Amino acid sequence: MTLPLPADDRLIVAMDVPDAVAGLELAARLGAAVSFYKIGLGMLTGGGLALANELKAEQDKRIFLDMKLFDIGATVEAAVRGLARFDLDFLTVHGDPHVVTAAKQGAAGKDLKILAVTILTSLDRADLDGALIRAGDVADLVVERAGRAFAAGADGVIASPREAALIRALPEAAGKLIVTPGVRPAGAALGDQKRVETPAAALAAGADHIVVGRPVWQAEDPQAAAQAILREIAAI
């Protein structure tokens, strides 16, 4: 019989479920196997902030609030200042330097880490063309945006596993976090993700944390799915 592995903060499970009730049910099914959860924009109107607070305060879980904030500096600063009161761990903003700078000002004096989104892992070059984003290889653009976000004060960046090694090689990435969504265990469906790797490959490339959603919460046995990922990353 294989003994269950303890939770590993390198694994962040995305709670892409409809509401806080479903989120609490998922957390109960995962139990001690998961210590870090991502709560995104899709659950904001379903009690996402209340869920984040309950998981943090009552279950001692770490929380990654994935809001991808983008607005003028004053608005971003005010929004982050309000969110920073909740004693959460990570918050995402878009990686534009003015947004990152404002977010860091809003988080001043708190432990909240500001993570800058480079280019969403669901996008490829054709999507960027459609959005009128300047020409260039996607990986090159991701690395450039990461460097600019670090220069603006970001505590870390969000990037696909395929760009993690390139970002980690940047001198300005020393001491910074790299968090990679677009992670799929071998054989898992890609869903809407386009730039993906396995958990082990993402961490080996330099990621500090991997984000896994549907392969865990859509599994018949979410705890077993999480344990399989834990075994994979424990072997690195």
Protein backbone atom coordinates (compact mmCIF):
# COMPACT_ATOMS: atom_id res chain seq x y z
CA MET A 1 0.00 0.00 0.00
CA THR A 2 1.35 3.43 -0.99
CA LEU A 3 1.27 5.89 1.89
CA PRO A 4 -0.19 9.32 1.05
CA LEU A 5 2.32 12.12 0.62
CA PRO A 6 2.01 15.32 2.64
CA ALA A 7 0.93 18.52 0.92
CA ASP A 8 3.59 20.39 -1.03
CA ASP A 9 3.22 24.17 -1.45
CA ARG A 10 4.68 23.89 -4.93
CA LEU A 11 1.30 22.50 -6.03
CA ILE A 12 -1.46 25.09 -6.23
CA VAL A 13 -4.90 23.72 -7.06
CA ALA A 14 -7.14 26.07 -9.02
CA MET A 15 -10.64 26.15 -7.58
CA ASP A 16 -12.40 26.81 -10.86
CA VAL A 17 -15.71 25.65 -9.40
CA PRO A 18 -18.98 27.61 -9.50
CA ASP A 19 -19.19 28.98 -5.97
CA ALA A 20 -17.88 28.92 -2.41
CA VAL A 21 -20.06 25.96 -1.44
CA ALA A 22 -18.51 23.85 -4.19
CA GLY A 23 -15.10 25.17 -3.18
CA LEU A 24 -15.52 24.04 0.41
CA GLU A 25 -16.71 20.63 -0.79
CA LEU A 26 -13.62 20.31 -2.98
CA ALA A 27 -11.33 21.34 -0.13
CA ALA A 28 -12.96 18.71 2.08
CA ARG A 29 -12.38 16.01 -0.56
CA LEU A 30 -8.75 17.06 -0.98
CA GLY A 31 -8.11 17.30 2.74
CA ALA A 32 -4.48 17.40 3.79
CA ALA A 33 -3.23 16.60 0.29
CA VAL A 34 -3.41 20.27 -0.79
CA SER A 35 -2.18 23.30 1.14
CA PHE A 36 -2.40 26.03 -1.53
CA TYR A 37 -5.45 27.09 -3.55
CA LYS A 38 -6.03 29.53 -6.39
CA ILE A 39 -9.32 31.41 -6.43
CA GLY A 40 -10.01 33.26 -9.65
CA LEU A 41 -12.20 35.90 -11.17
CA GLY A 42 -14.84 33.36 -12.19
CA MET A 43 -15.73 32.72 -8.56
CA LEU A 44 -15.72 36.36 -7.47
CA THR A 45 -19.52 36.65 -7.61
CA GLY A 46 -19.92 33.17 -6.12
CA GLY A 47 -18.39 34.03 -2.76
CA GLY A 48 -14.76 33.76 -3.76
CA LEU A 49 -13.43 36.24 -1.22
CA ALA A 50 -15.43 34.63 1.58
CA LEU A 51 -14.06 31.25 0.54
CA ALA A 52 -10.52 32.61 0.48
CA ASN A 53 -10.92 33.97 4.00
CA GLU A 54 -12.42 30.76 5.34
CA LEU A 55 -9.74 28.54 3.83
CA LYS A 56 -7.04 30.86 5.17
CA ALA A 57 -8.40 31.48 8.65
CA GLU A 58 -10.17 28.22 9.41
CA GLN A 59 -8.12 25.66 7.49
CA ASP A 60 -4.69 27.34 7.45
CA LYS A 61 -4.42 27.10 3.66
CA ARG A 62 -2.37 29.44 1.50
CA ILE A 63 -4.39 31.47 -1.01
CA PHE A 64 -3.56 32.75 -4.47
CA LEU A 65 -6.16 35.33 -5.55
CA ASP A 66 -6.09 35.40 -9.33
CA MET A 67 -7.80 38.66 -10.27
CA LYS A 68 -5.47 39.81 -13.11
CA LEU A 69 -6.17 43.44 -12.24
CA PHE A 70 -5.78 46.05 -14.97
CA ASP A 71 -6.77 49.71 -14.79
CA ILE A 72 -5.27 53.14 -14.26
CA GLY A 73 -2.68 53.26 -11.49
CA ALA A 74 -4.84 54.92 -8.85
CA THR A 75 -7.62 52.36 -9.28
CA VAL A 76 -5.24 49.40 -9.16
CA GLU A 77 -3.55 50.79 -6.05
CA ALA A 78 -6.89 51.23 -4.30
CA ALA A 79 -8.10 47.76 -5.26
CA VAL A 80 -4.91 46.10 -4.05
CA ARG A 81 -4.94 48.06 -0.81
CA GLY A 82 -8.42 46.72 -0.13
CA LEU A 83 -7.52 43.14 -1.01
CA ALA A 84 -4.31 43.27 1.01
CA ARG A 85 -6.38 43.56 4.19
CA PHE A 86 -7.41 39.91 3.86
CA ASP A 87 -3.95 38.47 4.63
CA LEU A 88 -3.76 36.42 1.44
CA ASP A 89 -0.56 35.19 -0.17
CA PHE A 90 -0.49 35.91 -3.93
CA LEU A 91 -2.40 38.37 -6.13
CA THR A 92 -2.15 38.69 -9.90
CA VAL A 93 -2.15 41.88 -11.93
CA HIS A 94 -1.39 42.43 -15.59
CA GLY A 95 2.32 42.80 -16.22
CA ASP A 96 2.26 46.33 -17.59
CA PRO A 97 4.81 48.30 -15.54
CA HIS A 98 2.40 51.04 -14.44
CA VAL A 99 0.00 48.39 -13.14
CA VAL A 100 2.73 46.52 -11.27
CA THR A 101 4.06 49.70 -9.68
CA ALA A 102 0.60 50.73 -8.51
CA ALA A 103 -0.13 47.25 -7.15
CA LYS A 104 3.09 47.24 -5.13
CA GLN A 105 2.13 50.61 -3.67
CA GLY A 106 -1.26 49.21 -2.70
CA ALA A 107 0.35 46.19 -1.02
CA ALA A 108 2.94 48.24 0.88
CA GLY A 109 3.46 46.99 4.42
CA LYS A 110 1.71 43.66 3.76
CA ASP A 111 3.05 40.19 2.96
CA LEU A 112 0.89 39.92 -0.17
CA LYS A 113 3.04 38.97 -3.17
CA ILE A 114 2.24 40.74 -6.44
CA LEU A 115 2.56 38.45 -9.44
CA ALA A 116 2.58 39.94 -12.94
CA VAL A 117 0.84 38.15 -15.79
CA THR A 118 3.07 38.00 -18.87
CA ILE A 119 0.99 36.39 -21.65
CA LEU A 120 -1.92 34.09 -20.83
CA THR A 121 -1.15 30.41 -21.33
CA SER A 122 -4.33 30.03 -23.38
CA LEU A 123 -2.95 32.37 -26.09
CA ASP A 124 -0.68 31.69 -29.02
CA ARG A 125 0.74 33.91 -31.76
CA ALA A 126 -2.50 33.91 -33.74
CA ASP A 127 -4.39 35.17 -30.68
CA LEU A 128 -1.82 37.91 -30.15
CA ASP A 129 -2.16 38.95 -33.78
CA GLY A 130 -5.91 39.20 -33.31
CA ALA A 131 -5.36 41.45 -30.29
CA LEU A 132 -2.95 43.68 -32.26
CA ILE A 133 -0.02 42.71 -30.01
CA ARG A 134 3.26 43.50 -31.76
CA ALA A 135 4.97 40.86 -33.84
CA GLY A 136 7.53 38.53 -32.34
CA ASP A 137 7.99 35.07 -30.91
CA VAL A 138 5.66 34.46 -27.96
CA ALA A 139 8.48 33.28 -25.71
CA ASP A 140 10.54 36.38 -26.47
CA LEU A 141 7.60 38.64 -25.63
CA VAL A 142 6.96 36.75 -22.38
CA VAL A 143 10.57 37.12 -21.29
CA GLU A 144 10.59 40.82 -22.15
CA ARG A 145 7.37 41.45 -20.23
CA ALA A 146 8.75 39.47 -17.28
CA GLY A 147 11.90 41.59 -17.20
CA ARG A 148 9.91 44.80 -17.28
CA ALA A 149 7.58 43.56 -14.53
CA PHE A 150 10.53 42.68 -12.31
CA ALA A 151 12.01 46.14 -12.94
CA ALA A 152 8.67 47.66 -11.85
CA GLY A 153 8.83 45.75 -8.56
CA ALA A 154 6.86 42.54 -9.16
CA ASP A 155 7.49 39.79 -6.62
CA GLY A 156 7.07 37.23 -9.37
CA VAL A 157 5.48 36.47 -12.70
CA ILE A 158 2.90 34.19 -14.23
CA ALA A 159 4.13 32.44 -17.37
CA SER A 160 3.72 29.14 -19.14
CA PRO A 161 6.08 26.30 -18.21
CA ARG A 162 7.65 26.61 -21.65
CA GLU A 163 9.04 30.04 -20.78
CA ALA A 164 10.04 29.31 -17.18
CA ALA A 165 13.67 28.46 -17.92
CA LEU A 166 14.13 31.57 -20.06
CA ILE A 167 12.72 33.79 -17.32
CA ARG A 168 14.75 32.07 -14.60
CA ALA A 169 17.90 32.85 -16.59
CA LEU A 170 17.25 36.61 -16.37
CA PRO A 171 19.58 38.31 -13.87
CA GLU A 172 16.62 40.29 -12.51
CA ALA A 173 14.74 37.04 -11.78
CA ALA A 174 17.02 36.23 -8.83
CA GLY A 175 14.89 35.86 -5.73
CA LYS A 176 11.66 36.24 -7.70
CA LEU A 177 8.77 33.80 -8.03
CA ILE A 178 7.77 32.03 -11.22
CA VAL A 179 4.29 30.52 -11.11
CA THR A 180 3.16 28.39 -14.02
CA PRO A 181 -0.40 27.61 -15.03
CA GLY A 182 -0.86 25.53 -18.16
CA VAL A 183 0.36 22.46 -16.28
CA ARG A 184 -1.13 19.12 -17.23
CA PRO A 185 -0.17 15.67 -15.93
CA ALA A 186 0.80 13.26 -18.69
CA GLY A 187 -2.30 12.10 -20.57
CA ALA A 188 -4.59 14.86 -19.25
CA ALA A 189 -6.78 16.80 -21.65
CA LEU A 190 -5.39 20.21 -22.63
CA GLY A 191 -8.73 22.04 -22.36
CA ASP A 192 -8.25 25.67 -23.42
CA GLN A 193 -4.52 25.66 -22.67
CA LYS A 194 -2.04 25.88 -25.55
CA ARG A 195 1.43 26.25 -23.99
CA VAL A 196 1.60 23.36 -21.53
CA GLU A 197 4.02 21.01 -19.80
CA THR A 198 3.89 18.31 -17.13
CA PRO A 199 4.30 19.20 -13.43
CA ALA A 200 7.81 17.75 -13.27
CA ALA A 201 8.93 19.56 -16.45
CA ALA A 202 7.58 22.89 -15.20
CA LEU A 203 9.43 22.67 -11.89
CA ALA A 204 12.61 21.40 -13.53
CA ALA A 205 12.49 24.44 -15.83
CA GLY A 206 12.62 26.81 -12.87
CA ALA A 207 9.03 27.28 -11.71
CA ASP A 208 8.49 27.74 -7.98
CA HIS A 209 4.82 26.79 -8.08
CA ILE A 210 2.60 24.98 -10.57
CA VAL A 211 -1.13 25.60 -10.94
CA VAL A 212 -3.33 22.63 -11.78
CA GLY A 213 -7.10 22.90 -12.07
CA ARG A 214 -9.34 20.60 -14.08
CA PRO A 215 -7.12 17.49 -13.87
CA VAL A 216 -7.70 17.65 -10.10
CA TRP A 217 -11.15 19.06 -9.49
CA GLN A 218 -12.79 17.27 -12.41
CA ALA A 219 -11.28 13.93 -11.41
CA GLU A 220 -13.52 11.21 -10.02
CA ASP A 221 -11.20 11.14 -7.01
CA PRO A 222 -9.60 14.59 -6.63
CA GLN A 223 -7.41 13.53 -3.73
CA ALA A 224 -5.97 10.63 -5.73
CA ALA A 225 -5.32 13.01 -8.65
CA ALA A 226 -3.50 15.41 -6.32
CA GLN A 227 -1.50 12.56 -4.84
CA ALA A 228 -0.38 11.49 -8.30
CA ILE A 229 0.96 15.00 -8.94
CA LEU A 230 2.67 15.04 -5.54
CA ARG A 231 4.41 11.77 -6.35
CA GLU A 232 5.57 13.19 -9.68
CA ILE A 233 7.04 16.35 -8.20
CA ALA A 234 8.55 14.53 -5.21
CA ALA A 235 10.66 12.55 -7.66
CA ILE A 236 12.35 15.63 -9.16
